[in-house]
Structures are given as structure tokens and as C-alpha cells.
């Protein structure tokens, strides 16, 4: 699985390895000895700090538009586009970064900067949000939990939790995203800069 680094057997292990590796690189540079895997082996107790780094968060409609399908599954819209000076777009990718097959593509009604393709959502999937005209440029969220709850009126609503894996601000990434996400990230960025975007940019279409 591309997400997991060598020796990692779960999403949590991958998080811990990424954090510990970066911590040890900093520690090694600080001491003037460079990065050494032996240093990392002595820093396993830093796994405890992971609770304060990649924090799980309930995702709202600022990040993406979620729906409950007729079959009772949670789905999400690829949506967005650009106006003259600002833009906002969200695309969806499988856990390996590949395109998802849409449940529905909207071809009529209000399309400009709207909701373009409804996609099935699973834990492990990625939501890539891109912004035009803002300091914060890209966020890559990974879905960790899906549930259906009831609101105060008794209506069923989707509840989606995720972890912010990568973030780009003022041209710089906090962590460099893996190559398998580059196509989805590029598609989100393009969509956020497409004036009055009217169609999906990152979905698997039938030939």
C-alpha cells in the first residue's frame, strides 16, 4: 500500500514513523551529527506526542459537501471552481491516490463553481482542497471515520472525520506529499483556478 512506509502496518504506524523520522532529523542536525536511523530507534517514546500532531477532526461543509445516498452510504461531491480573484475546489481520491468512479455527474442546472460529481466515500480516501487567492493554498485530508447521525430535527446527517496529512501555505508544504497524490493535488489546484468550472476534473469515466 503506497501510504505505508517500510515497517508500518497501519495508518497510525505511518503517522508515527513520519513524525519520528522528522523529529530525529531535527535532533541530529541540532547536535551536528546528521540523521541516523540509530537515533530514531532510541526515540520510540516520541510516539506519545503523535496525539498532539495529526489530530482527528470532524470535517464540515467548508472542506467538502457530504451526502447520504438512497442505499444509506456516505458520498462526497467534487465541487468548486474560480471567480475573478478567488477560487475554492475539492477533489476526491482513493487511498492509493487513484480516481474514483462517480455515482452521479451533474450535467444540468447550476454548474458554475458548483457540485459536479458525487463520489462514494470510504475510510482511507483523500479529500484535496485547493484555494485561489489565499495564503493557504492546499490541504490534503485523509478520511478516518464515517458515521450517520441524527440532527436536532431528527434528520439523518453524514458525519465524516479526517486527519490533515499535508498542507501548503505561501508556496511551502509542511510535509512533502507522496508522488501518488500528485495527480489529485494538481487536479484540485487546476479546478480552483478554472473560471466558473462546470465539470469534474478528477473522476474515473467510462470509455
Protein backbone atom coordinates (compact mmCIF):
# COMPACT_ATOMS: atom_id res chain seq x y z
CA UNK A 1 0.00 0.00 0.00
CA UNK A 2 1.69 3.26 -1.06
CA UNK A 3 0.58 5.17 2.02
CA UNK A 4 2.52 3.00 4.47
CA UNK A 5 6.26 3.32 4.84
CA UNK A 6 8.54 0.35 5.35
CA UNK A 7 7.66 -1.39 8.62
CA UNK A 8 4.30 0.38 9.03
CA UNK A 9 1.23 -1.82 9.19
CA UNK A 10 -1.48 0.79 9.80
CA UNK A 11 -2.31 4.44 9.25
CA UNK A 12 -1.30 5.12 12.85
CA UNK A 13 2.11 3.50 12.34
CA UNK A 14 2.67 5.56 9.20
CA UNK A 15 1.85 8.74 11.14
CA UNK A 16 4.24 7.78 13.89
CA UNK A 17 7.06 6.93 11.52
CA UNK A 18 6.73 10.22 9.63
CA UNK A 19 6.72 12.25 12.84
CA UNK A 20 9.56 10.32 14.48
CA UNK A 21 11.74 10.48 11.38
CA UNK A 22 11.33 14.26 11.08
CA UNK A 23 11.93 14.72 14.81
CA UNK A 24 15.14 12.69 14.63
CA UNK A 25 16.36 14.56 11.56
CA UNK A 26 15.95 17.79 13.51
CA UNK A 27 17.62 16.30 16.58
CA UNK A 28 20.57 15.02 14.54
CA UNK A 29 21.09 18.31 12.76
CA UNK A 30 20.85 20.18 16.08
CA UNK A 31 23.64 18.03 17.51
CA UNK A 32 25.69 18.33 14.34
CA UNK A 33 25.69 14.58 13.68
CA UNK A 34 23.14 14.46 10.87
CA UNK A 35 20.31 11.98 10.56
CA UNK A 36 20.96 8.42 11.69
CA UNK A 37 18.44 5.59 11.99
CA UNK A 38 20.08 4.56 15.27
CA UNK A 39 18.94 7.89 16.69
CA UNK A 40 15.39 7.13 15.58
CA UNK A 41 15.45 3.70 17.28
CA UNK A 42 16.11 5.44 20.59
CA UNK A 43 13.19 7.83 20.12
CA UNK A 44 10.25 5.42 20.15
CA UNK A 45 8.83 7.18 23.20
CA UNK A 46 8.07 10.18 20.97
CA UNK A 47 5.14 8.13 19.60
CA UNK A 48 3.18 9.53 22.54
CA UNK A 49 3.45 13.03 21.09
CA UNK A 50 1.55 11.93 17.97
CA UNK A 51 -1.68 12.56 19.87
CA UNK A 52 -0.91 16.28 19.61
CA UNK A 53 0.14 16.37 15.93
CA UNK A 54 -2.18 14.61 13.47
CA UNK A 55 -5.40 15.27 15.34
CA UNK A 56 -8.62 13.76 14.03
CA UNK A 57 -11.27 16.37 13.25
CA UNK A 58 -14.88 16.30 12.13
CA UNK A 59 -14.97 17.69 8.61
CA UNK A 60 -17.66 20.24 7.77
CA UNK A 61 -19.03 21.75 4.57
CA UNK A 62 -16.12 24.15 4.38
CA UNK A 63 -13.95 21.16 3.44
CA UNK A 64 -16.43 19.21 1.30
CA UNK A 65 -20.13 18.58 0.66
CA UNK A 66 -21.24 15.21 2.03
CA UNK A 67 -24.43 13.30 1.23
CA UNK A 68 -26.24 10.13 2.28
CA UNK A 69 -27.21 8.05 -0.76
CA UNK A 70 -30.50 6.19 -1.15
CA UNK A 71 -28.68 2.98 -0.26
CA UNK A 72 -27.53 4.53 3.05
CA UNK A 73 -23.90 5.10 2.11
CA UNK A 74 -21.93 8.31 2.60
CA UNK A 75 -20.81 10.11 -0.54
CA UNK A 76 -18.99 13.37 -1.27
CA UNK A 77 -19.13 15.92 -4.09
CA UNK A 78 -16.24 17.00 -6.23
CA UNK A 79 -17.04 20.70 -6.29
CA UNK A 80 -15.82 24.22 -6.82
CA UNK A 81 -14.14 26.48 -9.30
CA UNK A 82 -12.85 30.04 -9.61
CA UNK A 83 -14.23 33.53 -9.75
CA UNK A 84 -12.18 36.51 -10.89
CA UNK A 85 -9.81 36.74 -7.94
CA UNK A 86 -10.74 33.81 -5.69
CA UNK A 87 -11.38 30.10 -6.03
CA UNK A 88 -12.12 27.03 -3.92
CA UNK A 89 -12.26 23.40 -5.05
CA UNK A 90 -12.33 19.90 -3.59
CA UNK A 91 -11.45 16.66 -5.39
CA UNK A 92 -11.51 13.11 -4.03
CA UNK A 93 -9.01 10.26 -4.41
CA UNK A 94 -8.81 6.62 -3.36
CA UNK A 95 -6.34 5.56 -0.68
CA UNK A 96 -3.76 4.92 -3.43
CA UNK A 97 -4.38 8.33 -5.00
CA UNK A 98 -6.34 6.97 -7.96
CA UNK A 99 -9.57 8.38 -9.37
CA UNK A 100 -12.96 7.22 -8.08
CA UNK A 101 -15.88 6.19 -10.27
CA UNK A 102 -18.73 8.69 -9.78
CA UNK A 103 -22.20 7.68 -8.65
CA UNK A 104 -23.63 10.67 -10.48
CA UNK A 105 -22.40 13.53 -12.65
CA UNK A 106 -24.44 16.72 -12.68
CA UNK A 107 -24.95 17.98 -16.23
CA UNK A 108 -27.89 20.36 -15.82
CA UNK A 109 -28.91 23.18 -13.51
CA UNK A 110 -26.44 25.43 -11.73
CA UNK A 111 -22.97 24.16 -12.63
CA UNK A 112 -20.58 27.13 -12.40
CA UNK A 113 -18.41 26.59 -9.29
CA UNK A 114 -21.00 24.09 -8.10
CA UNK A 115 -21.22 20.40 -7.22
CA UNK A 116 -20.14 18.39 -10.24
CA UNK A 117 -19.68 14.69 -9.39
CA UNK A 118 -21.00 12.61 -6.47
CA UNK A 119 -18.43 10.02 -5.37
CA UNK A 120 -18.57 7.10 -2.90
CA UNK A 121 -16.51 7.74 0.22
CA UNK A 122 -14.51 5.21 2.24
CA UNK A 123 -12.14 5.40 5.17
CA UNK A 124 -8.65 5.98 3.87
CA UNK A 125 -9.80 8.14 0.95
CA UNK A 126 -8.25 11.56 0.43
CA UNK A 127 -10.03 14.92 0.14
CA UNK A 128 -7.85 17.52 -1.57
CA UNK A 129 -8.97 21.12 -1.13
CA UNK A 130 -7.31 23.93 -3.09
CA UNK A 131 -7.75 27.68 -2.75
CA UNK A 132 -7.02 30.52 -5.16
CA UNK A 133 -6.12 33.98 -3.88
CA UNK A 134 -5.33 32.92 -0.30
CA UNK A 135 -2.20 32.32 1.79
CA UNK A 136 -3.45 28.80 2.49
CA UNK A 137 -3.23 27.07 -0.89
CA UNK A 138 -3.81 23.32 -0.48
CA UNK A 139 -4.96 20.93 2.23
CA UNK A 140 -4.91 17.14 1.92
CA UNK A 141 -7.24 15.38 4.37
CA UNK A 142 -7.48 11.63 4.86
CA UNK A 143 -10.81 10.17 5.95
CA UNK A 144 -10.54 8.18 9.18
CA UNK A 145 -14.13 7.61 10.24
CA UNK A 146 -17.61 7.60 8.66
CA UNK A 147 -20.90 7.59 10.52
CA UNK A 148 -24.55 8.59 10.17
CA UNK A 149 -26.17 10.56 12.98
CA UNK A 150 -29.39 12.46 13.63
CA UNK A 151 -29.60 16.24 13.88
CA UNK A 152 -31.85 18.13 16.29
CA UNK A 153 -34.78 17.75 13.89
CA UNK A 154 -34.36 14.00 13.68
CA UNK A 155 -32.98 14.04 10.15
CA UNK A 156 -30.12 11.72 9.23
CA UNK A 157 -26.84 13.51 8.52
CA UNK A 158 -23.41 12.26 7.42
CA UNK A 159 -20.55 12.61 9.91
CA UNK A 160 -17.05 12.44 8.46
CA UNK A 161 -13.81 12.59 10.43
CA UNK A 162 -10.37 13.06 8.96
CA UNK A 163 -6.75 13.94 9.60
CA UNK A 164 -4.91 16.77 7.88
CA UNK A 165 -1.96 14.97 6.28
CA UNK A 166 -0.36 17.72 4.17
CA UNK A 167 -0.78 21.48 3.91
CA UNK A 168 0.71 24.06 1.56
CA UNK A 169 0.83 27.70 2.59
CA UNK A 170 2.62 30.58 0.86
CA UNK A 171 4.19 28.14 -1.58
CA UNK A 172 5.64 25.76 1.02
CA UNK A 173 4.50 22.31 2.19
CA UNK A 174 4.65 21.33 5.85
CA UNK A 175 5.46 17.80 4.65
CA UNK A 176 6.10 16.88 1.03
CA UNK A 177 3.16 14.79 -0.26
CA UNK A 178 3.94 11.39 -1.83
CA UNK A 179 4.08 11.09 -5.58
CA UNK A 180 0.91 9.01 -5.78
CA UNK A 181 -1.11 12.05 -4.68
CA UNK A 182 0.42 14.48 -7.18
CA UNK A 183 -2.23 13.98 -9.87
CA UNK A 184 -5.11 14.60 -7.43
CA UNK A 185 -3.37 17.66 -5.99
CA UNK A 186 -2.75 19.07 -9.47
CA UNK A 187 -6.40 18.47 -10.40
CA UNK A 188 -7.66 20.31 -7.31
CA UNK A 189 -5.31 23.23 -7.99
CA UNK A 190 -6.43 23.41 -11.62
CA UNK A 191 -10.10 23.25 -10.63
CA UNK A 192 -9.68 26.07 -8.08
CA UNK A 193 -8.23 28.20 -10.91
CA UNK A 194 -10.76 27.28 -13.61
CA UNK A 195 -13.10 30.22 -14.10
CA UNK A 196 -16.71 29.15 -13.48
CA UNK A 197 -15.72 25.47 -13.59
CA UNK A 198 -18.69 23.42 -14.79
CA UNK A 199 -17.40 19.81 -14.85
CA UNK A 200 -15.45 17.32 -12.72
CA UNK A 201 -11.66 17.26 -13.03
CA UNK A 202 -10.66 14.06 -11.19
CA UNK A 203 -13.10 11.19 -11.72
CA UNK A 204 -12.93 7.81 -13.48
CA UNK A 205 -15.10 7.98 -16.58
CA UNK A 206 -16.28 5.08 -18.72
CA UNK A 207 -14.59 4.84 -22.09
